[in-house]
PDB file of N, CA and C in Angstrom:
ATOM      1  N   MET A   1    -166.362  43.330-170.214  1.00  0.00           N
ATOM      2  CA  MET A   1    -166.329  43.439-169.143  1.00  0.00           C
ATOM      3  C   MET A   1    -164.579  43.008-168.644  1.00  0.00           C
ATOM      4  N   LYS A   2    -163.998  42.617-169.509  1.00  0.00           N
ATOM      5  CA  LYS A   2    -162.322  41.997-169.239  1.00  0.00           C
ATOM      6  C   LYS A   2    -162.082  43.413-169.986  1.00  0.00           C
ATOM      7  N   SER A   3    -162.296  44.516-170.625  1.00  0.00           N
ATOM      8  CA  SER A   3    -161.839  45.759-170.660  1.00  0.00           C
ATOM      9  C   SER A   3    -161.662  46.203-169.474  1.00  0.00           C
ATOM     10  N   LEU A   4    -163.153  46.746-169.205  1.00  0.00           N
ATOM     11  CA  LEU A   4    -162.714  47.156-167.844  1.00  0.00           C
ATOM     12  C   LEU A   4    -162.025  47.178-166.499  1.00  0.00           C
ATOM     13  N   LEU A   5    -161.750  45.209-166.372  1.00  0.00           N
ATOM     14  CA  LEU A   5    -161.055  44.929-165.148  1.00  0.00           C
ATOM     15  C   LEU A   5    -159.248  45.463-166.115  1.00  0.00           C
ATOM     16  N   LYS A   6    -159.474  45.299-167.030  1.00  0.00           N
ATOM     17  CA  LYS A   6    -157.783  45.577-167.845  1.00  0.00           C
ATOM     18  C   LYS A   6    -157.481  47.157-167.196  1.00  0.00           C
ATOM     19  N   ILE A   7    -158.658  48.319-167.975  1.00  0.00           N
ATOM     20  CA  ILE A   7    -157.760  49.192-167.166  1.00  0.00           C
ATOM     21  C   ILE A   7    -158.634  49.672-165.611  1.00  0.00           C
ATOM     22  N   SER A   8    -159.107  48.653-164.919  1.00  0.00           N
ATOM     23  CA  SER A   8    -158.904  49.372-163.046  1.00  0.00           C
ATOM     24  C   SER A   8    -157.668  48.885-162.727  1.00  0.00           C
ATOM     25  N   ALA A   9    -157.106  47.698-163.751  1.00  0.00           N
ATOM     26  CA  ALA A   9    -156.145  47.168-162.838  1.00  0.00           C
ATOM     27  C   ALA A   9    -154.741  47.752-163.541  1.00  0.00           C
ATOM     28  N   ALA A  10    -154.486  49.101-164.477  1.00  0.00           N
ATOM     29  CA  ALA A  10    -154.152  49.664-164.898  1.00  0.00           C
ATOM     30  C   ALA A  10    -153.839  50.949-164.399  1.00  0.00           C
ATOM     31  N   LEU A  11    -154.775  51.487-164.360  1.00  0.00           N
ATOM     32  CA  LEU A  11    -154.888  52.542-163.224  1.00  0.00           C
ATOM     33  C   LEU A  11    -154.593  52.363-161.609  1.00  0.00           C
ATOM     34  N   LEU A  12    -154.969  51.082-161.021  1.00  0.00           N
ATOM     35  CA  LEU A  12    -154.522  50.716-159.807  1.00  0.00           C
ATOM     36  C   LEU A  12    -152.964  50.194-159.923  1.00  0.00           C
ATOM     37  N   ILE A  13    -151.926  49.833-160.910  1.00  0.00           N
ATOM     38  CA  ILE A  13    -150.827  50.230-160.722  1.00  0.00           C
ATOM     39  C   ILE A  13    -150.022  51.301-160.959  1.00  0.00           C
ATOM     40  N   ALA A  14    -150.764  52.025-161.835  1.00  0.00           N
ATOM     41  CA  ALA A  14    -150.029  53.537-161.679  1.00  0.00           C
ATOM     42  C   ALA A  14    -150.737  54.406-160.934  1.00  0.00           C
ATOM     43  N   ALA A  15    -151.219  54.084-159.924  1.00  0.00           N
ATOM     44  CA  ALA A  15    -151.216  55.097-158.751  1.00  0.00           C
ATOM     45  C   ALA A  15    -150.221  53.986-157.429  1.00  0.00           C
ATOM     46  N   VAL A  16    -149.834  53.843-158.006  1.00  0.00           N
ATOM     47  CA  VAL A  16    -148.960  53.022-156.564  1.00  0.00           C
ATOM     48  C   VAL A  16    -148.044  54.125-156.451  1.00  0.00           C
ATOM     49  N   PRO A  17    -147.232  54.540-157.394  1.00  0.00           N
ATOM     50  CA  PRO A  17    -145.522  55.259-157.321  1.00  0.00           C
ATOM     51  C   PRO A  17    -146.375  56.420-156.470  1.00  0.00           C
ATOM     52  N   VAL A  18    -147.540  57.043-156.879  1.00  0.00           N
ATOM     53  CA  VAL A  18    -148.111  58.500-156.664  1.00  0.00           C
ATOM     54  C   VAL A  18    -148.345  58.402-155.359  1.00  0.00           C
ATOM     55  N   THR A  19    -148.733  57.326-154.287  1.00  0.00           N
ATOM     56  CA  THR A  19    -149.107  57.150-153.251  1.00  0.00           C
ATOM     57  C   THR A  19    -148.037  56.855-152.700  1.00  0.00           C
ATOM     58  N   ALA A  20    -147.064  56.412-152.468  1.00  0.00           N
ATOM     59  CA  ALA A  20    -145.960  55.938-152.163  1.00  0.00           C
ATOM     60  C   ALA A  20    -144.859  57.135-151.917  1.00  0.00           C
ATOM     61  N   PHE A  21    -145.034  58.684-153.164  1.00  0.00           N
ATOM     62  CA  PHE A  21    -144.527  59.467-153.053  1.00  0.00           C
ATOM     63  C   PHE A  21    -144.972  60.574-152.391  1.00  0.00           C
ATOM     64  N   ALA A  22    -146.638  60.608-152.109  1.00  0.00           N
ATOM     65  CA  ALA A  22    -147.173  61.566-150.964  1.00  0.00           C
ATOM     66  C   ALA A  22    -146.772  61.270-149.690  1.00  0.00           C
ATOM     67  N   ALA A  23    -146.677  59.782-149.643  1.00  0.00           N
ATOM     68  CA  ALA A  23    -146.076  59.285-148.026  1.00  0.00           C
ATOM     69  C   ALA A  23    -145.100  60.377-147.698  1.00  0.00           C
ATOM     70  N   ALA A  24    -144.135  60.994-148.195  1.00  0.00           N
ATOM     71  CA  ALA A  24    -143.219  61.175-147.736  1.00  0.00           C
ATOM     72  C   ALA A  24    -143.060  63.176-147.621  1.00  0.00           C
ATOM     73  N   PRO A  25    -142.661  63.057-147.121  1.00  0.00           N
ATOM     74  CA  PRO A  25    -143.199  64.675-146.318  1.00  0.00           C
ATOM     75  C   PRO A  25    -142.455  65.612-147.188  1.00  0.00           C
ATOM     76  N   ALA A  26    -143.532  66.575-147.584  1.00  0.00           N
ATOM     77  CA  ALA A  26    -142.264  67.740-148.015  1.00  0.00           C
ATOM     78  C   ALA A  26    -141.534  68.858-147.170  1.00  0.00           C
ATOM     79  N   LEU A  27    -140.495  69.069-146.673  1.00  0.00           N
ATOM     80  CA  LEU A  27    -139.406  69.376-145.597  1.00  0.00           C
ATOM     81  C   LEU A  27    -138.785  70.045-146.165  1.00  0.00           C
ATOM     82  N   ASP A  28    -138.907  71.529-145.958  1.00  0.00           N
ATOM     83  CA  ASP A  28    -138.069  72.513-146.631  1.00  0.00           C
ATOM     84  C   ASP A  28    -136.518  72.592-145.312  1.00  0.00           C
ATOM     85  N   TYR A  29    -135.639  72.827-145.783  1.00  0.00           N
ATOM     86  CA  TYR A  29    -134.563  72.250-144.285  1.00  0.00           C
ATOM     87  C   TYR A  29    -134.281  73.735-144.051  1.00  0.00           C
ATOM     88  N   ALA A  30    -134.301  74.489-144.916  1.00  0.00           N
ATOM     89  CA  ALA A  30    -133.796  76.078-144.395  1.00  0.00           C
ATOM     90  C   ALA A  30    -134.913  76.617-143.448  1.00  0.00           C
ATOM     91  N   LYS A  31    -135.848  76.037-143.747  1.00  0.00           N
ATOM     92  CA  LYS A  31    -137.618  76.648-142.964  1.00  0.00           C
ATOM     93  C   LYS A  31    -137.163  76.017-141.498  1.00  0.00           C
ATOM     94  N   ILE A  32    -136.773  74.809-141.372  1.00  0.00           N
ATOM     95  CA  ILE A  32    -136.904  73.728-140.320  1.00  0.00           C
ATOM     96  C   ILE A  32    -135.922  74.023-139.052  1.00  0.00           C
ATOM     97  N   ASP A  33    -134.511  75.093-139.781  1.00  0.00           N
ATOM     98  CA  ASP A  33    -133.307  75.120-139.101  1.00  0.00           C
ATOM     99  C   ASP A  33    -133.978  76.714-138.793  1.00  0.00           C
ATOM    100  N   THR A  34    -134.513  76.744-137.811  1.00  0.00           N
ATOM    101  CA  THR A  34    -134.695  78.127-137.358  1.00  0.00           C
ATOM    102  C   THR A  34    -133.786  79.312-136.135  1.00  0.00           C
ATOM    103  N   ALA A  35    -133.044  78.687-136.102  1.00  0.00           N
ATOM    104  CA  ALA A  35    -132.666  79.106-135.219  1.00  0.00           C
ATOM    105  C   ALA A  35    -130.662  79.695-136.286  1.00  0.00           C
ATOM    106  N   LYS A  36    -130.389  79.255-137.441  1.00  0.00           N
ATOM    107  CA  LYS A  36    -130.400  79.553-138.787  1.00  0.00           C
ATOM    108  C   LYS A  36    -128.896  79.036-138.699  1.00  0.00           C
ATOM    109  N   SER A  37    -128.043  78.369-137.884  1.00  0.00           N
ATOM    110  CA  SER A  37    -127.206  77.502-137.094  1.00  0.00           C
ATOM    111  C   SER A  37    -126.955  76.504-138.381  1.00  0.00           C
ATOM    112  N   GLY A  38    -127.591  75.855-139.050  1.00  0.00           N
ATOM    113  CA  GLY A  38    -126.674  75.572-140.432  1.00  0.00           C
ATOM    114  C   GLY A  38    -127.311  73.929-140.342  1.00  0.00           C
ATOM    115  N   LYS A  39    -127.914  73.613-138.923  1.00  0.00           N
ATOM    116  CA  LYS A  39    -127.900  71.871-138.532  1.00  0.00           C
ATOM    117  C   LYS A  39    -129.277  72.263-137.723  1.00  0.00           C
ATOM    118  N   ILE A  40    -129.887  71.087-138.068  1.00  0.00           N
ATOM    119  CA  ILE A  40    -131.220  70.921-137.708  1.00  0.00           C
ATOM    120  C   ILE A  40    -131.330  70.064-136.293  1.00  0.00           C
ATOM    121  N   THR A  41    -131.668  70.329-135.116  1.00  0.00           N
ATOM    122  CA  THR A  41    -131.857  69.987-134.065  1.00  0.00           C
ATOM    123  C   THR A  41    -132.918  68.791-134.213  1.00  0.00           C
ATOM    124  N   GLU A  42    -133.122  67.723-133.335  1.00  0.00           N
ATOM    125  CA  GLU A  42    -134.389  66.737-133.172  1.00  0.00           C
ATOM    126  C   GLU A  42    -135.284  67.640-132.888  1.00  0.00           C
ATOM    127  N   ALA A  43    -135.343  68.469-132.260  1.00  0.00           N
ATOM    128  CA  ALA A  43    -136.889  69.202-131.656  1.00  0.00           C
ATOM    129  C   ALA A  43    -137.460  70.067-133.116  1.00  0.00           C
ATOM    130  N   GLN A  44    -135.985  70.228-133.770  1.00  0.00           N
ATOM    131  CA  GLN A  44    -136.799  71.218-135.175  1.00  0.00           C
ATOM    132  C   GLN A  44    -137.271  70.151-135.464  1.00  0.00           C
ATOM    133  N   LEU A  45    -136.671  68.969-135.925  1.00  0.00           N
ATOM    134  CA  LEU A  45    -137.470  68.285-136.902  1.00  0.00           C
ATOM    135  C   LEU A  45    -138.895  67.644-136.722  1.00  0.00           C
ATOM    136  N   LYS A  46    -138.949  67.611-134.971  1.00  0.00           N
ATOM    137  CA  LYS A  46    -140.198  67.271-134.510  1.00  0.00           C
ATOM    138  C   LYS A  46    -141.412  67.924-134.779  1.00  0.00           C
ATOM    139  N   ALA A  47    -140.861  69.439-134.574  1.00  0.00           N
ATOM    140  CA  ALA A  47    -141.745  70.556-134.498  1.00  0.00           C
ATOM    141  C   ALA A  47    -142.888  70.070-135.900  1.00  0.00           C
ATOM    142  N   VAL A  48    -141.911  69.943-137.004  1.00  0.00           N
ATOM    143  CA  VAL A  48    -142.735  70.183-138.293  1.00  0.00           C
ATOM    144  C   VAL A  48    -142.806  68.478-139.054  1.00  0.00           C
ATOM    145  N   TYR A  49    -142.310  67.793-138.234  1.00  0.00           N
ATOM    146  CA  TYR A  49    -142.178  66.170-138.322  1.00  0.00           C
ATOM    147  C   TYR A  49    -142.617  65.324-137.479  1.00  0.00           C
ATOM    148  N   PRO A  50    -143.936  65.602-136.822  1.00  0.00           N
ATOM    149  CA  PRO A  50    -143.466  64.926-134.955  1.00  0.00           C
ATOM    150  C   PRO A  50    -143.999  63.012-135.064  1.00  0.00           C
ATOM    151  N   LYS A  51    -143.682  62.289-136.489  1.00  0.00           N
ATOM    152  CA  LYS A  51    -144.145  61.437-136.234  1.00  0.00           C
ATOM    153  C   LYS A  51    -142.436  60.803-136.503  1.00  0.00           C
ATOM    154  N   LEU A  52    -141.696  61.850-136.101  1.00  0.00           N
ATOM    155  CA  LEU A  52    -140.248  61.496-136.351  1.00  0.00           C
ATOM    156  C   LEU A  52    -139.847  60.460-134.657  1.00  0.00           C
ATOM    157  N   THR A  53    -139.099  59.541-135.201  1.00  0.00           N
ATOM    158  CA  THR A  53    -139.241  58.411-134.333  1.00  0.00           C
ATOM    159  C   THR A  53    -137.409  59.297-133.348  1.00  0.00           C
ATOM    160  N   ASP A  54    -137.444  58.700-132.153  1.00  0.00           N
ATOM    161  CA  ASP A  54    -135.739  59.008-131.948  1.00  0.00           C
ATOM    162  C   ASP A  54    -134.553  57.933-132.735  1.00  0.00           C
ATOM    163  N   ASP A  55    -135.513  56.765-133.365  1.00  0.00           N
ATOM    164  CA  ASP A  55    -134.349  56.236-133.652  1.00  0.00           C
ATOM    165  C   ASP A  55    -133.974  56.640-135.188  1.00  0.00           C
ATOM    166  N   GLN A  56    -134.792  56.954-135.530  1.00  0.00           N
ATOM    167  CA  GLN A  56    -135.439  57.495-136.678  1.00  0.00           C
ATOM    168  C   GLN A  56    -134.112  58.675-136.711  1.00  0.00           C
ATOM    169  N   PHE A  57    -134.049  59.619-136.187  1.00  0.00           N
ATOM    170  CA  PHE A  57    -133.393  60.862-135.721  1.00  0.00           C
ATOM    171  C   PHE A  57    -131.273  60.651-136.063  1.00  0.00           C
ATOM    172  N   LYS A  58    -131.477  59.238-134.863  1.00  0.00           N
ATOM    173  CA  LYS A  58    -130.268  58.555-134.739  1.00  0.00           C
ATOM    174  C   LYS A  58    -129.597  58.060-136.035  1.00  0.00           C
ATOM    175  N   LYS A  59    -130.296  57.418-136.926  1.00  0.00           N
ATOM    176  CA  LYS A  59    -130.055  56.524-138.066  1.00  0.00           C
ATOM    177  C   LYS A  59    -129.460  57.678-139.004  1.00  0.00           C
ATOM    178  N   ALA A  60    -130.293  59.129-138.930  1.00  0.00           N
ATOM    179  CA  ALA A  60    -129.761  59.936-139.992  1.00  0.00           C
ATOM    180  C   ALA A  60    -128.828  61.281-139.832  1.00  0.00           C
ATOM    181  N   ASP A  61    -128.717  60.961-137.609  1.00  0.00           N
ATOM    182  CA  ASP A  61    -126.894  61.913-137.500  1.00  0.00           C
ATOM    183  C   ASP A  61    -125.984  60.995-137.363  1.00  0.00           C
ATOM    184  N   ALA A  62    -125.518  60.913-139.148  1.00  0.00           N
ATOM    185  CA  ALA A  62    -124.554  60.168-139.684  1.00  0.00           C
ATOM    186  C   ALA A  62    -123.027  60.096-138.685  1.00  0.00           C
ATOM    187  N   ASP A  63    -122.904  61.393-138.315  1.00  0.00           N
ATOM    188  CA  ASP A  63    -121.923  61.961-137.344  1.00  0.00           C
ATOM    189  C   ASP A  63    -121.736  61.758-135.954  1.00  0.00           C
ATOM    190  N   HIS A  64    -123.198  61.791-135.743  1.00  0.00           N
ATOM    191  CA  HIS A  64    -123.587  61.387-133.973  1.00  0.00           C
ATOM    192  C   HIS A  64    -123.352  62.552-133.337  1.00  0.00           C
ATOM    193  N   ASP A  65    -123.759  63.863-133.851  1.00  0.00           N
ATOM    194  CA  ASP A  65    -123.420  65.275-133.212  1.00  0.00           C
ATOM    195  C   ASP A  65    -124.222  65.769-132.982  1.00  0.00           C
ATOM    196  N   GLY A  66    -125.408  64.889-132.865  1.00  0.00           N
ATOM    197  CA  GLY A  66    -127.149  65.621-131.912  1.00  0.00           C
ATOM    198  C   GLY A  66    -127.630  66.354-132.854  1.00  0.00           C
ATOM    199  N   THR A  67    -126.986  66.130-134.208  1.00  0.00           N
ATOM    200  CA  THR A  67    -128.002  67.607-135.056  1.00  0.00           C
ATOM    201  C   THR A  67    -127.755  66.772-136.746  1.00  0.00           C
ATOM    202  N   LEU A  68    -128.805  67.645-137.911  1.00  0.00           N
ATOM    203  CA  LEU A  68    -128.592  67.021-138.770  1.00  0.00           C
ATOM    204  C   LEU A  68    -127.531  67.981-139.209  1.00  0.00           C
ATOM    205  N   SER A  69    -126.865  68.077-140.414  1.00  0.00           N
ATOM    206  CA  SER A  69    -126.153  68.364-141.444  1.00  0.00           C
ATOM    207  C   SER A  69    -127.430  68.616-142.632  1.00  0.00           C
ATOM    208  N   LYS A  70    -127.224  69.431-143.937  1.00  0.00           N
ATOM    209  CA  LYS A  70    -128.218  69.494-144.988  1.00  0.00           C
ATOM    210  C   LYS A  70    -127.909  68.011-145.349  1.00  0.00           C
ATOM    211  N   THR A  71    -126.628  67.950-145.538  1.00  0.00           N
ATOM    212  CA  THR A  71    -125.897  66.455-146.057  1.00  0.00           C
ATOM    213  C   THR A  71    -127.284  65.526-145.866  1.00  0.00           C
ATOM    214  N   GLU A  72    -126.972  64.852-144.644  1.00  0.00           N
ATOM    215  CA  GLU A  72    -127.748  64.129-143.377  1.00  0.00           C
ATOM    216  C   GLU A  72    -129.009  64.384-143.847  1.00  0.00           C
ATOM    217  N   PHE A  73    -129.309  65.504-143.860  1.00  0.00           N
ATOM    218  CA  PHE A  73    -130.954  65.482-143.896  1.00  0.00           C
ATOM    219  C   PHE A  73    -131.314  65.080-145.669  1.00  0.00           C
ATOM    220  N   ASP A  74    -130.618  65.439-145.972  1.00  0.00           N
ATOM    221  CA  ASP A  74    -131.145  64.996-147.708  1.00  0.00           C
ATOM    222  C   ASP A  74    -130.988  63.103-147.701  1.00  0.00           C
ATOM    223  N   ALA A  75    -129.999  62.871-147.334  1.00  0.00           N
ATOM    224  CA  ALA A  75    -129.780  61.655-147.195  1.00  0.00           C
ATOM    225  C   ALA A  75    -131.407  60.798-146.816  1.00  0.00           C
ATOM    226  N   TRP A  76    -131.510  61.473-145.306  1.00  0.00           N
ATOM    227  CA  TRP A  76    -132.822  60.747-145.058  1.00  0.00           C
ATOM    228  C   TRP A  76    -133.980  60.934-145.439  1.00  0.00           C
ATOM    229  N   MET A  77    -134.254  62.550-146.305  1.00  0.00           N
ATOM    230  CA  MET A  77    -135.201  62.290-147.223  1.00  0.00           C
ATOM    231  C   MET A  77    -134.880  61.708-148.417  1.00  0.00           C
ATOM    232  N   LYS A  78    -134.206  60.828-148.629  1.00  0.00           N
ATOM    233  CA  LYS A  78    -134.368  60.055-150.249  1.00  0.00           C
ATOM    234  C   LYS A  78    -134.755  58.635-149.135  1.00  0.00           C
ATOM    235  N   THR A  79    -134.662  58.932-148.205  1.00  0.00           N
ATOM    236  CA  THR A  79    -135.133  56.646-147.329  1.00  0.00           C
ATOM    237  C   THR A  79    -136.555  57.166-146.680  1.00  0.00           C
ATOM    238  N   LEU A  80    -137.648  58.153-147.336  1.00  0.00           N
ATOM    239  CA  LEU A  80    -138.476  58.414-147.065  1.00  0.00           C
ATOM    240  C   LEU A  80    -139.718  57.969-148.083  1.00  0.00           C
ATOM    241  N   ALA A  81    -138.628  58.412-149.521  1.00  0.00           N
ATOM    242  CA  ALA A  81    -139.379  58.608-150.422  1.00  0.00           C
ATOM    243  C   ALA A  81    -139.893  57.276-150.889  1.00  0.00           C
TER     244      ALA A  81
END
């Protein structure tokens, strides 16, 4: 019985990182940039990631130009992982 508890605990601990990784969306910058402008607007990102809040977008938009560059997008994605 103790062995079963140890195995169960080990599996539970091992599953946590997988669950956390699965929570982050798999988003492709080039596909989101439908205008092929090299920038992503809030509307473009919300079209593929509806959970995005205005506050999240504003925080990701480091230069406050109303769009996300590839660098800003990559930095934002790291916050989701």
